Amino acid sequence: MAVKVLNPGLSTTVQDLGRPGYFHLGIPIGGAMDRLALRAANLLVGNDEGAAGLEAVFVGPHLEFTRDAVIAMTGADMPIKLDGEEKPSWTALKVRAGQVLSFGFLQTGARIYIAIAGGIDVPLALGSRSTYPIGALGGFKGRAIAKDDELPVGNAAGGKEGRSIPEALRRRPGMPAELRVLPGLYWHRVTEQSHRNFFDDQWKVAPEADRMGYRFRGGRPLQFVERDQPFGAGSDPSNIVDSCYPYGSIQVPGGTEPIILHRDAVSGGGYFMVGTVVSADMDLIGQLQPNTPTRFAKVDMDGALKARADRAALLDRIRSVFA
């Protein structure tokens, strides 16, 4: 079976849960920006949670199916259409051979996930089918899908139409969005007043927001504790001797605009980091549109671990729908 791409949308890539284990070599984990949404879509169609699907940003693709299939769409709110007839999201749908899947205008969120029973069956690259476009690695020929591509689909193990995930289990960002942050190793580099300002201020997602990182604007600039810059660091006080960048870390070049490093970010560099967004909230970032009001909320390690446990419990409740 293959799925023919009639219109690729703005940027649609093959993604699974990523390729851990290569960050020390400069190859990011990659994978779906909203992992919970991809897992949910795969569960709906009877796939393994980590099967490869499609991630579409802001504009959905138009896809023609060459044979019958079961599909599901999760993530952002975007009208779903089969041969022009609107269908529900977060629900397993039956598609007949020759039918065309398309989408209306984005309403809320930023990324939709399209799962097909059997999964997108592109070759594995370092153990993953995820697309890393900057490195031309994985996915469909190492790039976003394009018009007239034919995407291979694996053999379906199951998948029943009509199954749905309740609204209460569909996690979305609030308004304003709240992202929990654990202060990091370089927190001492900024003043106590800047500590308070960072968490008190309301920020907005900048237009520079993609798979590598999300930039935020609108808060007060950070003020640095004076020091003599160490050998190997740049002249700006936000510069450090090169360090590793954890996934979700927040660098603030020049102390002005925080950048949260996401799925396809680099693994190290010379900017200090104020802290790290807890893993439980990284999915939410993938659903933020430019200009979305956002606040950072300070947590300690116990709070970060509780957030992770709460997210795991939510995923278990989603799984129980299909038990």
Protein backbone atom coordinates (compact mmCIF):
# COMPACT_ATOMS: atom_id res chain seq x y z
CA MET A 1 0.00 0.00 0.00
CA ALA A 2 1.10 3.56 -0.69
CA VAL A 3 -0.31 6.99 0.08
CA LYS A 4 0.03 9.51 -2.74
CA VAL A 5 0.80 13.11 -1.82
CA LEU A 6 -1.41 15.49 -3.80
CA ASN A 7 -0.43 18.54 -1.75
CA PRO A 8 2.21 18.36 0.99
CA GLY A 9 0.93 21.26 3.10
CA LEU A 10 3.34 23.80 4.54
CA SER A 11 5.80 21.36 6.16
CA THR A 12 4.85 17.72 6.64
CA THR A 13 7.41 15.15 7.77
CA VAL A 14 7.53 11.51 8.78
CA GLN A 15 8.07 11.28 12.55
CA ASP A 16 8.11 8.59 15.22
CA LEU A 17 9.34 8.86 18.83
CA GLY A 18 12.89 9.73 17.76
CA ARG A 19 16.40 8.27 17.83
CA PRO A 20 17.84 8.45 21.36
CA GLY A 21 21.46 7.52 21.99
CA TYR A 22 23.28 9.76 19.50
CA PHE A 23 23.10 13.20 21.14
CA HIS A 24 26.73 12.92 22.24
CA LEU A 25 27.61 12.69 18.53
CA GLY A 26 25.62 15.83 17.70
CA ILE A 27 22.60 13.98 16.32
CA PRO A 28 19.45 15.14 18.15
CA ILE A 29 16.75 12.82 19.42
CA GLY A 30 14.27 14.21 16.86
CA GLY A 31 10.82 12.66 16.60
CA ALA A 32 7.36 14.10 17.13
CA MET A 33 7.18 17.55 18.74
CA ASP A 34 3.96 16.42 20.51
CA ARG A 35 4.77 12.85 21.48
CA LEU A 36 1.52 12.31 23.38
CA ALA A 37 -0.52 13.22 20.29
CA LEU A 38 1.46 10.80 18.09
CA ARG A 39 1.14 8.01 20.66
CA ALA A 40 -2.62 8.59 20.85
CA ALA A 41 -3.02 8.54 17.07
CA ASN A 42 -1.12 5.26 16.82
CA LEU A 43 -3.19 3.66 19.60
CA LEU A 44 -6.39 4.64 17.77
CA VAL A 45 -5.39 2.72 14.62
CA GLY A 46 -3.90 -0.30 16.40
CA ASN A 47 -0.24 0.53 15.81
CA ASP A 48 2.64 0.33 18.25
CA GLU A 49 2.80 3.71 20.02
CA GLY A 50 6.16 4.44 18.40
CA ALA A 51 5.11 3.73 14.81
CA ALA A 52 5.93 6.40 12.23
CA GLY A 53 3.20 8.81 11.22
CA LEU A 54 3.02 12.26 9.66
CA GLU A 55 3.52 15.56 11.49
CA ALA A 56 2.03 18.56 9.66
CA VAL A 57 2.65 22.16 10.76
CA PHE A 58 -0.09 24.83 10.44
CA VAL A 59 -1.43 23.48 7.09
CA GLY A 60 -2.49 19.89 6.50
CA PRO A 61 -1.58 17.81 3.43
CA HIS A 62 -3.91 16.33 0.79
CA LEU A 63 -3.38 12.57 0.59
CA GLU A 64 -4.89 9.94 -1.71
CA PHE A 65 -5.11 6.33 -0.49
CA THR A 66 -4.44 3.48 -2.89
CA ARG A 67 -6.32 0.93 -0.79
CA ASP A 68 -8.62 0.73 2.23
CA ALA A 69 -7.07 1.82 5.53
CA VAL A 70 -7.80 2.95 9.07
CA ILE A 71 -6.46 6.39 9.97
CA ALA A 72 -6.61 8.84 12.88
CA MET A 73 -5.68 12.50 13.36
CA THR A 74 -4.73 14.06 16.71
CA GLY A 75 -2.96 17.18 17.98
CA ALA A 76 -4.03 20.63 16.78
CA ASP A 77 -7.65 21.51 16.00
CA MET A 78 -7.98 21.48 12.23
CA PRO A 79 -11.09 20.36 10.30
CA ILE A 80 -10.60 16.89 8.79
CA LYS A 81 -12.22 16.00 5.49
CA LEU A 82 -12.62 12.78 3.49
CA ASP A 83 -13.68 13.55 -0.07
CA GLY A 84 -14.79 16.94 1.27
CA GLU A 85 -16.97 15.53 4.07
CA GLU A 86 -15.94 16.67 7.54
CA LYS A 87 -14.88 13.97 10.01
CA PRO A 88 -14.02 13.97 13.74
CA SER A 89 -10.49 14.19 15.12
CA TRP A 90 -9.03 11.89 17.81
CA THR A 91 -11.16 9.13 16.23
CA ALA A 92 -10.29 6.08 14.10
CA LEU A 93 -11.71 6.51 10.60
CA LYS A 94 -12.15 4.05 7.74
CA VAL A 95 -10.74 5.23 4.41
CA ARG A 96 -11.64 3.56 1.10
CA ALA A 97 -9.25 3.14 -1.81
CA GLY A 98 -9.26 6.28 -3.94
CA GLN A 99 -10.52 8.58 -1.20
CA VAL A 100 -8.71 11.87 -0.50
CA LEU A 101 -7.88 13.15 2.97
CA SER A 102 -7.67 16.94 3.29
CA PHE A 103 -7.86 19.59 5.99
CA GLY A 104 -9.49 22.95 6.64
CA PHE A 105 -7.92 26.00 8.24
CA LEU A 106 -6.06 25.65 11.53
CA GLN A 107 -8.17 26.69 14.54
CA THR A 108 -6.00 26.09 17.60
CA GLY A 109 -2.64 24.45 18.18
CA ALA A 110 0.15 24.14 15.64
CA ARG A 111 0.77 20.51 14.64
CA ILE A 112 -1.48 17.65 13.60
CA TYR A 113 -0.51 13.99 13.61
CA ILE A 114 -1.74 11.50 11.02
CA ALA A 115 -1.47 7.81 11.88
CA ILE A 116 -2.22 5.05 9.38
CA ALA A 117 -2.72 1.43 10.43
CA GLY A 118 0.58 -0.27 9.62
CA GLY A 119 2.64 2.91 10.02
CA ILE A 120 4.66 4.83 7.44
CA ASP A 121 7.18 2.21 6.33
CA VAL A 122 10.22 4.25 5.30
CA PRO A 123 13.68 2.77 6.04
CA LEU A 124 15.16 3.02 9.52
CA ALA A 125 18.05 5.45 10.00
CA LEU A 126 19.95 4.96 13.27
CA GLY A 127 16.99 3.04 14.61
CA SER A 128 14.32 5.60 13.76
CA ARG A 129 12.12 6.64 10.84
CA SER A 130 11.96 10.25 12.05
CA THR A 131 12.94 13.01 9.65
CA TYR A 132 15.88 15.24 10.62
CA PRO A 133 15.76 17.72 7.70
CA ILE A 134 18.86 19.72 8.71
CA GLY A 135 20.94 16.54 8.45
CA ALA A 136 18.94 15.00 5.55
CA LEU A 137 18.51 11.94 7.78
CA GLY A 138 15.58 9.53 8.04
CA GLY A 139 11.99 10.07 6.98
CA PHE A 140 11.12 10.07 3.29
CA LYS A 141 14.44 10.67 1.54
CA GLY A 142 15.63 12.82 4.44
CA ARG A 143 13.20 15.66 3.75
CA ALA A 144 9.64 16.91 4.13
CA ILE A 145 7.16 15.18 1.84
CA ALA A 146 6.51 16.73 -1.58
CA LYS A 147 3.83 16.62 -4.27
CA ASP A 148 3.61 13.25 -6.07
CA ASP A 149 5.58 11.38 -3.40
CA GLU A 150 4.23 7.91 -2.69
CA LEU A 151 4.62 7.02 0.97
CA PRO A 152 4.90 3.29 1.76
CA VAL A 153 2.66 1.89 4.49
CA GLY A 154 3.36 -1.28 6.46
CA ASN A 155 1.03 -4.21 7.00
CA ALA A 156 -1.72 -3.38 9.46
CA ALA A 157 -1.97 -5.59 12.53
CA GLY A 158 -5.39 -4.29 13.50
CA GLY A 159 -7.32 -1.07 13.81
CA LYS A 160 -11.06 -0.61 14.22
CA GLU A 161 -12.96 2.39 12.99
CA GLY A 162 -15.04 4.40 15.43
CA ARG A 163 -12.72 4.24 18.42
CA SER A 164 -12.23 7.65 20.00
CA ILE A 165 -10.24 9.30 22.78
CA PRO A 166 -12.43 11.35 25.17
CA GLU A 167 -12.06 15.11 25.20
CA ALA A 168 -10.88 15.06 28.82
CA LEU A 169 -7.77 13.08 27.80
CA ARG A 170 -6.73 15.44 24.99
CA ARG A 171 -4.00 17.61 26.51
CA ARG A 172 -3.63 21.12 25.10
CA PRO A 173 -1.83 24.32 26.19
CA GLY A 174 -3.77 26.78 28.30
CA MET A 175 -4.15 30.49 27.60
CA PRO A 176 -1.73 31.83 28.50
CA ALA A 177 0.36 28.70 28.11
CA GLU A 178 2.26 27.69 31.24
CA LEU A 179 5.62 25.95 30.98
CA ARG A 180 7.24 24.59 34.13
CA VAL A 181 10.95 25.28 34.44
CA LEU A 182 13.63 23.82 36.69
CA PRO A 183 16.37 26.46 37.20
CA GLY A 184 19.74 25.22 35.99
CA LEU A 185 23.49 25.28 36.53
CA TYR A 186 23.85 28.90 35.35
CA TRP A 187 20.94 30.38 37.32
CA HIS A 188 23.46 32.14 39.55
CA ARG A 189 24.72 34.16 36.56
CA VAL A 190 21.71 36.50 36.68
CA THR A 191 20.56 38.75 39.51
CA GLU A 192 17.85 38.00 42.07
CA GLN A 193 15.64 40.64 40.45
CA SER A 194 16.03 38.92 37.09
CA HIS A 195 15.07 35.62 38.73
CA ARG A 196 11.78 37.20 39.78
CA ASN A 197 11.22 39.00 36.48
CA PHE A 198 11.71 35.86 34.40
CA PHE A 199 8.86 34.08 36.16
CA ASP A 200 6.66 37.13 36.74
CA ASP A 201 6.66 38.42 33.15
CA GLN A 202 4.35 37.29 30.38
CA TRP A 203 6.20 36.31 27.20
CA LYS A 204 5.01 35.68 23.66
CA VAL A 205 6.12 33.05 21.15
CA ALA A 206 8.22 34.75 18.46
CA PRO A 207 7.91 33.96 14.73
CA GLU A 208 11.21 32.04 15.02
CA ALA A 209 9.64 28.84 16.35
CA ASP A 210 10.38 25.48 14.76
CA ARG A 211 11.64 21.97 15.43
CA MET A 212 15.04 23.26 16.55
CA GLY A 213 13.77 25.75 19.09
CA TYR A 214 11.12 28.25 20.20
CA ARG A 215 12.07 31.89 20.80
CA PHE A 216 10.08 34.07 23.22
CA ARG A 217 9.80 37.86 23.41
CA GLY A 218 8.17 40.51 25.57
CA GLY A 219 9.70 39.98 29.00
CA ARG A 220 12.24 42.19 30.71
CA PRO A 221 15.90 41.61 29.77
CA LEU A 222 17.97 39.63 32.23
CA GLN A 223 20.63 41.44 34.23
CA PHE A 224 23.88 39.56 34.79
CA VAL A 225 26.03 39.35 37.89
CA GLU A 226 29.28 41.07 37.00
CA ARG A 227 32.37 38.90 36.53
CA ASP A 228 35.50 38.64 34.44
CA GLN A 229 34.68 36.40 31.49
CA PRO A 230 36.67 33.14 31.73
CA PHE A 231 39.17 32.11 29.08
CA GLY A 232 37.33 30.44 26.21
CA ALA A 233 34.06 32.34 26.69
CA GLY A 234 32.96 35.23 24.51
CA SER A 235 32.80 38.84 25.60
CA ASP A 236 29.02 38.97 26.15
CA PRO A 237 27.97 38.04 29.71
CA SER A 238 25.54 35.46 28.30
CA ASN A 239 28.52 33.58 26.81
CA ILE A 240 30.07 30.64 28.63
CA VAL A 241 32.82 28.18 27.92
CA ASP A 242 31.07 25.65 25.66
CA SER A 243 28.71 23.30 27.45
CA CYS A 244 26.22 20.55 26.65
CA TYR A 245 22.62 21.64 26.01
CA PRO A 246 20.00 19.41 27.65
CA TYR A 247 16.82 18.78 25.69
CA GLY A 248 14.39 21.51 26.77
CA SER A 249 17.09 23.85 28.04
CA ILE A 250 16.52 27.60 27.82
CA GLN A 251 19.36 29.72 26.49
CA VAL A 252 19.08 33.53 26.50
CA PRO A 253 21.58 35.10 24.06
CA GLY A 254 22.38 38.61 25.22
CA GLY A 255 19.93 38.14 28.09
CA THR A 256 16.98 39.30 25.99
CA GLU A 257 14.97 36.54 24.26
CA PRO A 258 14.76 33.04 25.76
CA ILE A 259 15.06 30.13 23.31
CA ILE A 260 13.79 26.69 24.33
CA LEU A 261 15.75 23.99 22.52
CA HIS A 262 13.47 21.31 21.10
CA ARG A 263 13.58 18.05 19.13
CA ASP A 264 16.10 18.97 16.41
CA ALA A 265 18.30 21.31 18.45
CA VAL A 266 22.09 21.25 18.62
CA SER A 267 23.70 19.36 21.50
CA GLY A 268 26.04 22.06 22.82
CA GLY A 269 27.40 25.57 22.48
CA GLY A 270 28.49 28.74 24.21
CA TYR A 271 25.32 30.32 25.64
CA PHE A 272 24.36 30.08 29.30
CA MET A 273 21.06 28.40 30.22
CA VAL A 274 18.65 29.72 32.86
CA GLY A 275 17.04 26.32 33.28
CA THR A 276 15.19 23.49 31.56
CA VAL A 277 11.52 23.00 30.73
CA VAL A 278 10.26 19.83 32.40
CA SER A 279 9.84 16.90 30.02
CA ALA A 280 6.09 16.74 30.73
CA ASP A 281 5.57 20.18 29.15
CA MET A 282 7.67 19.77 26.00
CA ASP A 283 4.67 18.43 24.06
CA LEU A 284 2.79 21.64 24.82
CA ILE A 285 5.50 23.75 23.17
CA GLY A 286 4.95 21.86 19.91
CA GLN A 287 1.37 23.16 19.87
CA LEU A 288 2.17 26.86 20.43
CA GLN A 289 1.56 29.28 17.58
CA PRO A 290 3.57 32.49 17.13
CA ASN A 291 2.31 35.29 19.44
CA THR A 292 0.85 32.83 21.98
CA PRO A 293 1.08 34.40 25.48
CA THR A 294 3.25 32.21 27.71
CA ARG A 295 4.38 32.20 31.32
CA PHE A 296 7.20 30.24 32.90
CA ALA A 297 6.48 28.59 36.25
CA LYS A 298 9.32 27.73 38.63
CA VAL A 299 9.46 24.15 39.96
CA ASP A 300 11.97 22.16 41.99
CA MET A 301 13.08 18.59 41.27
CA ASP A 302 10.16 17.12 43.21
CA GLY A 303 7.75 19.22 41.14
CA ALA A 304 9.41 18.12 37.90
CA LEU A 305 9.19 14.45 38.89
CA LYS A 306 5.53 14.84 39.86
CA ALA A 307 4.81 16.44 36.47
CA ARG A 308 6.44 13.47 34.76
CA ALA A 309 4.41 11.03 36.85
CA ASP A 310 1.18 12.91 36.08
CA ARG A 311 1.92 12.76 32.36
CA ALA A 312 2.63 9.02 32.58
CA ALA A 313 -0.69 8.55 34.40
CA LEU A 314 -2.49 10.46 31.63
CA LEU A 315 -0.92 8.21 29.01
CA ASP A 316 -2.03 5.16 31.00
CA ARG A 317 -5.61 6.50 31.03
CA ILE A 318 -5.44 6.87 27.24
CA ARG A 319 -4.17 3.30 26.92
CA SER A 320 -7.01 2.06 29.13
CA VAL A 321 -9.51 3.27 26.51
CA PHE A 322 -8.28 0.45 24.28
CA ALA A 323 -7.85 -2.25 26.93
